[in-house]
N, C-alpha and C. Protein backbone atom coordinates (compact mmCIF):
# COMPACT_ATOMS: atom_id res chain seq x y z
N MET A 1 5.67 -1.73 -14.56
CA MET A 1 4.58 -0.92 -14.01
C MET A 1 4.57 -1.06 -12.49
N THR A 2 4.47 0.05 -11.81
CA THR A 2 4.48 0.07 -10.35
C THR A 2 3.05 0.15 -9.84
N ALA A 3 2.75 -0.67 -8.84
CA ALA A 3 1.42 -0.64 -8.23
C ALA A 3 1.27 0.66 -7.44
N ARG A 4 0.16 1.32 -7.61
CA ARG A 4 -0.10 2.56 -6.88
C ARG A 4 -0.63 2.21 -5.49
N ARG A 5 -0.06 2.81 -4.50
CA ARG A 5 -0.50 2.58 -3.12
C ARG A 5 -1.49 3.65 -2.72
N GLU A 6 -2.38 3.26 -1.81
CA GLU A 6 -3.36 4.24 -1.32
C GLU A 6 -2.66 5.32 -0.52
N GLN A 7 -3.22 6.49 -0.54
CA GLN A 7 -2.69 7.60 0.25
C GLN A 7 -3.08 7.39 1.71
N LEU A 8 -2.13 7.54 2.60
CA LEU A 8 -2.41 7.42 4.03
C LEU A 8 -3.02 8.70 4.55
N TRP A 9 -3.88 8.55 5.55
CA TRP A 9 -4.54 9.69 6.18
C TRP A 9 -3.73 10.20 7.35
N THR A 10 -3.81 11.48 7.57
CA THR A 10 -3.27 12.08 8.80
C THR A 10 -4.32 11.90 9.90
N ILE A 11 -3.93 12.23 11.11
CA ILE A 11 -4.90 12.13 12.21
C ILE A 11 -6.03 13.15 12.01
N GLU A 12 -5.73 14.26 11.37
CA GLU A 12 -6.78 15.24 11.07
C GLU A 12 -7.77 14.69 10.04
N ASP A 13 -7.25 13.95 9.04
CA ASP A 13 -8.12 13.31 8.05
C ASP A 13 -9.05 12.31 8.75
N LEU A 14 -8.48 11.52 9.65
CA LEU A 14 -9.28 10.54 10.37
C LEU A 14 -10.32 11.23 11.26
N SER A 15 -9.92 12.30 11.89
CA SER A 15 -10.84 13.08 12.72
C SER A 15 -12.03 13.56 11.89
N ASP A 16 -11.76 14.08 10.71
CA ASP A 16 -12.83 14.53 9.82
C ASP A 16 -13.73 13.36 9.41
N PHE A 17 -13.13 12.24 9.06
CA PHE A 17 -13.88 11.08 8.60
C PHE A 17 -14.79 10.53 9.69
N LEU A 18 -14.24 10.37 10.90
CA LEU A 18 -15.02 9.79 12.00
C LEU A 18 -15.85 10.83 12.75
N GLN A 19 -15.61 12.08 12.47
CA GLN A 19 -16.27 13.19 13.17
C GLN A 19 -16.03 13.10 14.68
N LYS A 20 -14.77 12.87 15.01
CA LYS A 20 -14.30 12.82 16.40
C LYS A 20 -13.14 13.79 16.55
N PRO A 21 -13.02 14.44 17.70
CA PRO A 21 -11.89 15.35 17.90
C PRO A 21 -10.55 14.60 17.86
N VAL A 22 -9.53 15.31 17.41
CA VAL A 22 -8.18 14.73 17.37
C VAL A 22 -7.78 14.23 18.75
N LYS A 23 -8.11 14.98 19.81
CA LYS A 23 -7.77 14.55 21.17
C LYS A 23 -8.37 13.19 21.48
N THR A 24 -9.59 12.94 21.05
CA THR A 24 -10.23 11.63 21.26
C THR A 24 -9.42 10.53 20.58
N LEU A 25 -8.95 10.78 19.38
CA LEU A 25 -8.16 9.77 18.66
C LEU A 25 -6.85 9.48 19.37
N TYR A 26 -6.21 10.52 19.91
CA TYR A 26 -4.99 10.29 20.71
C TYR A 26 -5.32 9.51 21.98
N ASP A 27 -6.44 9.82 22.62
CA ASP A 27 -6.87 9.07 23.81
C ASP A 27 -7.11 7.61 23.46
N TRP A 28 -7.79 7.37 22.35
CA TRP A 28 -8.04 5.98 21.91
C TRP A 28 -6.72 5.25 21.72
N ARG A 29 -5.77 5.90 21.06
CA ARG A 29 -4.47 5.25 20.80
C ARG A 29 -3.78 4.89 22.12
N HIS A 30 -3.84 5.81 23.09
CA HIS A 30 -3.25 5.56 24.40
C HIS A 30 -3.91 4.35 25.08
N LYS A 31 -5.22 4.19 24.86
CA LYS A 31 -5.98 3.08 25.46
C LYS A 31 -5.97 1.82 24.59
N LYS A 32 -5.19 1.87 23.48
CA LYS A 32 -5.09 0.75 22.55
C LYS A 32 -6.45 0.40 21.93
N TYR A 33 -7.19 1.45 21.60
CA TYR A 33 -8.48 1.33 20.95
C TYR A 33 -8.40 2.11 19.65
N GLY A 34 -9.27 1.81 18.72
CA GLY A 34 -9.31 2.55 17.47
C GLY A 34 -8.57 1.84 16.37
N PRO A 35 -8.60 2.42 15.19
CA PRO A 35 -7.95 1.79 14.04
C PRO A 35 -6.43 1.80 14.19
N PRO A 36 -5.77 0.84 13.55
CA PRO A 36 -4.31 0.80 13.64
C PRO A 36 -3.69 2.02 12.97
N ALA A 37 -2.60 2.49 13.55
CA ALA A 37 -1.87 3.64 13.01
C ALA A 37 -0.42 3.24 12.75
N TYR A 38 0.18 3.97 11.84
CA TYR A 38 1.59 3.78 11.52
C TYR A 38 2.33 5.06 11.84
N LEU A 39 3.52 4.93 12.43
CA LEU A 39 4.36 6.11 12.65
C LEU A 39 5.24 6.29 11.43
N VAL A 40 5.08 7.40 10.75
CA VAL A 40 5.86 7.72 9.56
C VAL A 40 6.54 9.05 9.81
N GLY A 41 7.85 9.00 9.96
CA GLY A 41 8.59 10.24 10.22
C GLY A 41 8.14 10.95 11.47
N GLY A 42 7.69 10.21 12.46
CA GLY A 42 7.25 10.79 13.72
C GLY A 42 5.80 11.23 13.74
N SER A 43 5.08 11.03 12.64
CA SER A 43 3.66 11.42 12.57
C SER A 43 2.79 10.18 12.36
N LEU A 44 1.61 10.20 12.97
CA LEU A 44 0.69 9.09 12.80
C LEU A 44 0.05 9.14 11.42
N ARG A 45 -0.07 7.97 10.80
CA ARG A 45 -0.76 7.84 9.52
C ARG A 45 -1.68 6.63 9.60
N TYR A 46 -2.78 6.71 8.86
CA TYR A 46 -3.80 5.67 8.88
C TYR A 46 -4.11 5.22 7.47
N SER A 47 -4.27 3.92 7.30
CA SER A 47 -4.69 3.36 6.03
C SER A 47 -6.22 3.42 5.96
N PRO A 48 -6.78 4.09 4.95
CA PRO A 48 -8.24 4.13 4.84
C PRO A 48 -8.87 2.73 4.83
N LYS A 49 -8.20 1.78 4.21
CA LYS A 49 -8.72 0.40 4.17
C LYS A 49 -8.77 -0.19 5.58
N LYS A 50 -7.71 0.00 6.36
CA LYS A 50 -7.67 -0.52 7.73
C LYS A 50 -8.68 0.19 8.63
N VAL A 51 -8.88 1.48 8.38
CA VAL A 51 -9.88 2.23 9.14
C VAL A 51 -11.26 1.64 8.88
N GLN A 52 -11.57 1.38 7.62
CA GLN A 52 -12.88 0.81 7.28
C GLN A 52 -13.04 -0.59 7.88
N GLU A 53 -11.99 -1.40 7.85
CA GLU A 53 -12.04 -2.74 8.46
C GLU A 53 -12.30 -2.63 9.95
N TRP A 54 -11.62 -1.71 10.61
CA TRP A 54 -11.82 -1.51 12.05
C TRP A 54 -13.25 -1.06 12.31
N LEU A 55 -13.73 -0.12 11.52
CA LEU A 55 -15.08 0.40 11.69
C LEU A 55 -16.11 -0.72 11.50
N ASP A 56 -15.93 -1.54 10.47
CA ASP A 56 -16.84 -2.67 10.23
C ASP A 56 -16.83 -3.64 11.40
N SER A 57 -15.66 -3.85 12.01
CA SER A 57 -15.56 -4.81 13.11
C SER A 57 -16.19 -4.29 14.40
N THR A 58 -16.34 -2.97 14.51
CA THR A 58 -16.92 -2.40 15.74
C THR A 58 -18.41 -2.12 15.61
N MET A 59 -18.95 -2.23 14.42
CA MET A 59 -20.37 -1.94 14.22
C MET A 59 -21.22 -2.87 15.09
N GLY A 60 -22.15 -2.29 15.81
CA GLY A 60 -23.04 -3.08 16.64
C GLY A 60 -22.49 -3.37 18.03
N GLN A 61 -21.25 -2.97 18.33
CA GLN A 61 -20.68 -3.25 19.63
C GLN A 61 -20.92 -2.11 20.62
N GLU A 62 -21.35 -0.96 20.12
CA GLU A 62 -21.61 0.17 21.01
C GLU A 62 -23.10 0.27 21.30
N GLY A 63 -23.40 0.90 22.41
CA GLY A 63 -24.79 1.19 22.71
C GLY A 63 -25.37 0.18 23.57
């Protein structure tokens, strides 16, 4: 039996989830901010689990 892996998100998926423009996500990546991304075939992909971990770690740090 093979373990099923979670589906990775595209940058558009992440944009929808965080309600931030794709350009903002690219800016964050350039500034080394935001959730970790993986380059897969030249495209950025995000683990929903890692996105949630990043989001939990940033809660309360803004404002």
